[in-house]
Amino acid sequence: MFDLRTEAEMRLHSERTARELALKKQREDAVENENANEGQNGHVAVTAETAATTDV
């Protein structure tokens, strides 16, 4: 059986991995949404990020 320290380390590793995967998925979804918005009618969607970096 695992000792308490090893169990805690395993739990932290699992939580970190889950957090990293969730952030990666969130970024991928954001890129997909941005690409889908750009494809509509040939226009680029203006978002807070693009408005801050371009003259609109």
N, C-alpha and C. Protein backbone atom coordinates (compact mmCIF):
# COMPACT_ATOMS: atom_id res chain seq x y z
N MET A 1 0.84 -1.18 0.00
CA MET A 1 0.00 0.00 0.00
C MET A 1 0.89 1.25 0.00
N PHE A 2 0.40 2.32 -0.63
CA PHE A 2 1.17 3.55 -0.73
C PHE A 2 1.22 4.28 0.61
N ASP A 3 2.33 4.94 0.85
CA ASP A 3 2.37 5.79 2.03
C ASP A 3 1.68 7.12 1.70
N LEU A 4 1.40 7.91 2.71
CA LEU A 4 0.62 9.14 2.51
C LEU A 4 1.33 10.14 1.61
N ARG A 5 2.65 10.25 1.73
CA ARG A 5 3.39 11.20 0.90
C ARG A 5 3.31 10.81 -0.57
N THR A 6 3.52 9.55 -0.87
CA THR A 6 3.46 9.07 -2.25
C THR A 6 2.06 9.27 -2.81
N GLU A 7 1.07 8.98 -2.02
CA GLU A 7 -0.32 9.17 -2.46
C GLU A 7 -0.61 10.64 -2.77
N ALA A 8 -0.11 11.53 -1.92
CA ALA A 8 -0.31 12.97 -2.13
C ALA A 8 0.41 13.43 -3.40
N GLU A 9 1.63 12.93 -3.62
CA GLU A 9 2.37 13.28 -4.83
C GLU A 9 1.65 12.79 -6.09
N MET A 10 1.11 11.59 -6.02
CA MET A 10 0.37 11.05 -7.16
C MET A 10 -0.87 11.89 -7.45
N ARG A 11 -1.55 12.31 -6.41
CA ARG A 11 -2.75 13.13 -6.57
C ARG A 11 -2.40 14.48 -7.20
N LEU A 12 -1.31 15.11 -6.71
CA LEU A 12 -0.88 16.38 -7.28
C LEU A 12 -0.52 16.23 -8.75
N HIS A 13 0.17 15.17 -9.08
CA HIS A 13 0.55 14.92 -10.47
C HIS A 13 -0.71 14.77 -11.33
N SER A 14 -1.68 14.03 -10.85
CA SER A 14 -2.92 13.83 -11.60
C SER A 14 -3.67 15.14 -11.79
N GLU A 15 -3.72 15.95 -10.75
CA GLU A 15 -4.42 17.24 -10.83
C GLU A 15 -3.71 18.18 -11.80
N ARG A 16 -2.39 18.20 -11.76
CA ARG A 16 -1.63 19.04 -12.70
C ARG A 16 -1.85 18.60 -14.13
N THR A 17 -1.79 17.29 -14.34
CA THR A 17 -1.99 16.76 -15.69
C THR A 17 -3.39 17.11 -16.20
N ALA A 18 -4.39 16.95 -15.36
CA ALA A 18 -5.76 17.28 -15.76
C ALA A 18 -5.90 18.76 -16.08
N ARG A 19 -5.27 19.61 -15.28
CA ARG A 19 -5.31 21.06 -15.51
C ARG A 19 -4.64 21.41 -16.83
N GLU A 20 -3.47 20.82 -17.09
CA GLU A 20 -2.76 21.08 -18.34
C GLU A 20 -3.58 20.64 -19.55
N LEU A 21 -4.19 19.47 -19.46
CA LEU A 21 -5.02 18.99 -20.57
C LEU A 21 -6.24 19.88 -20.80
N ALA A 22 -6.84 20.36 -19.72
CA ALA A 22 -7.99 21.24 -19.84
C ALA A 22 -7.60 22.56 -20.51
N LEU A 23 -6.44 23.12 -20.13
CA LEU A 23 -5.96 24.36 -20.74
C LEU A 23 -5.64 24.15 -22.22
N LYS A 24 -5.03 23.03 -22.54
CA LYS A 24 -4.70 22.72 -23.94
C LYS A 24 -5.98 22.62 -24.76
N LYS A 25 -6.98 21.94 -24.24
CA LYS A 25 -8.26 21.79 -24.94
C LYS A 25 -8.94 23.14 -25.11
N GLN A 26 -8.88 23.97 -24.08
CA GLN A 26 -9.49 25.30 -24.14
C GLN A 26 -8.82 26.15 -25.23
N ARG A 27 -7.49 26.08 -25.31
CA ARG A 27 -6.76 26.83 -26.35
C ARG A 27 -7.11 26.33 -27.73
N GLU A 28 -7.19 25.00 -27.89
CA GLU A 28 -7.54 24.43 -29.19
C GLU A 28 -8.95 24.85 -29.60
N ASP A 29 -9.87 24.84 -28.66
CA ASP A 29 -11.24 25.26 -28.96
C ASP A 29 -11.29 26.73 -29.37
N ALA A 30 -10.49 27.56 -28.70
CA ALA A 30 -10.46 28.98 -29.02
C ALA A 30 -9.92 29.20 -30.44
N VAL A 31 -8.90 28.45 -30.81
CA VAL A 31 -8.33 28.57 -32.16
C VAL A 31 -9.36 28.11 -33.19
N GLU A 32 -10.05 27.01 -32.92
CA GLU A 32 -11.07 26.52 -33.84
C GLU A 32 -12.18 27.54 -34.02
N ASN A 33 -12.62 28.14 -32.92
CA ASN A 33 -13.67 29.16 -32.99
C ASN A 33 -13.19 30.37 -33.78
N GLU A 34 -11.95 30.77 -33.56
CA GLU A 34 -11.41 31.92 -34.27
C GLU A 34 -11.33 31.63 -35.77
N ASN A 35 -10.88 30.43 -36.11
CA ASN A 35 -10.79 30.05 -37.52
C ASN A 35 -12.17 29.99 -38.16
N ALA A 36 -13.15 29.50 -37.42
CA ALA A 36 -14.52 29.43 -37.95
C ALA A 36 -15.08 30.83 -38.16
N ASN A 37 -14.78 31.75 -37.25
CA ASN A 37 -15.26 33.12 -37.39
C ASN A 37 -14.61 33.81 -38.58
N GLU A 38 -13.34 33.52 -38.85
CA GLU A 38 -12.66 34.13 -39.98
C GLU A 38 -13.24 33.63 -41.30
N GLY A 39 -13.72 32.41 -41.31
CA GLY A 39 -14.23 31.82 -42.53
C GLY A 39 -15.61 32.30 -42.93
N GLN A 40 -16.34 32.94 -42.04
CA GLN A 40 -17.69 33.39 -42.35
C GLN A 40 -17.65 34.59 -43.26
N ASN A 41 -18.21 34.45 -44.45
CA ASN A 41 -18.32 35.54 -45.42
C ASN A 41 -16.99 36.19 -45.76
N GLY A 42 -15.90 35.51 -45.50
CA GLY A 42 -14.59 36.06 -45.85
C GLY A 42 -14.14 37.21 -44.98
N HIS A 43 -14.85 37.45 -43.90
CA HIS A 43 -14.49 38.56 -43.01
C HIS A 43 -13.81 38.03 -41.77
N VAL A 44 -12.92 38.84 -41.26
CA VAL A 44 -12.25 38.49 -40.00
C VAL A 44 -13.07 39.06 -38.86
N ALA A 45 -13.40 38.23 -37.90
CA ALA A 45 -14.17 38.68 -36.75
C ALA A 45 -13.30 39.58 -35.88
N VAL A 46 -13.87 40.67 -35.41
CA VAL A 46 -13.14 41.57 -34.53
C VAL A 46 -13.39 41.14 -33.10
N THR A 47 -12.31 40.79 -32.44
CA THR A 47 -12.38 40.39 -31.04
C THR A 47 -11.60 41.40 -30.23
N ALA A 48 -11.65 41.28 -28.94
CA ALA A 48 -10.89 42.18 -28.07
C ALA A 48 -9.41 42.09 -28.39
N GLU A 49 -8.92 40.90 -28.70
CA GLU A 49 -7.50 40.73 -29.00
C GLU A 49 -7.14 41.39 -30.33
N THR A 50 -7.93 41.15 -31.36
CA THR A 50 -7.60 41.73 -32.66
C THR A 50 -7.81 43.23 -32.67
N ALA A 51 -8.80 43.72 -31.95
CA ALA A 51 -9.04 45.16 -31.88
C ALA A 51 -7.88 45.87 -31.18
N ALA A 52 -7.29 45.21 -30.22
CA ALA A 52 -6.19 45.82 -29.47
C ALA A 52 -4.90 45.85 -30.30
N THR A 53 -4.79 44.97 -31.29
CA THR A 53 -3.55 44.89 -32.06
C THR A 53 -3.65 45.48 -33.46
N THR A 54 -4.86 45.84 -33.89
CA THR A 54 -5.03 46.37 -35.25
C THR A 54 -5.86 47.64 -35.20
N ASP A 55 -5.79 48.40 -36.25
CA ASP A 55 -6.64 49.60 -36.37
C ASP A 55 -7.94 49.18 -37.04
N VAL A 56 -9.02 49.30 -36.31
CA VAL A 56 -10.34 48.92 -36.84
C VAL A 56 -11.18 50.15 -37.01
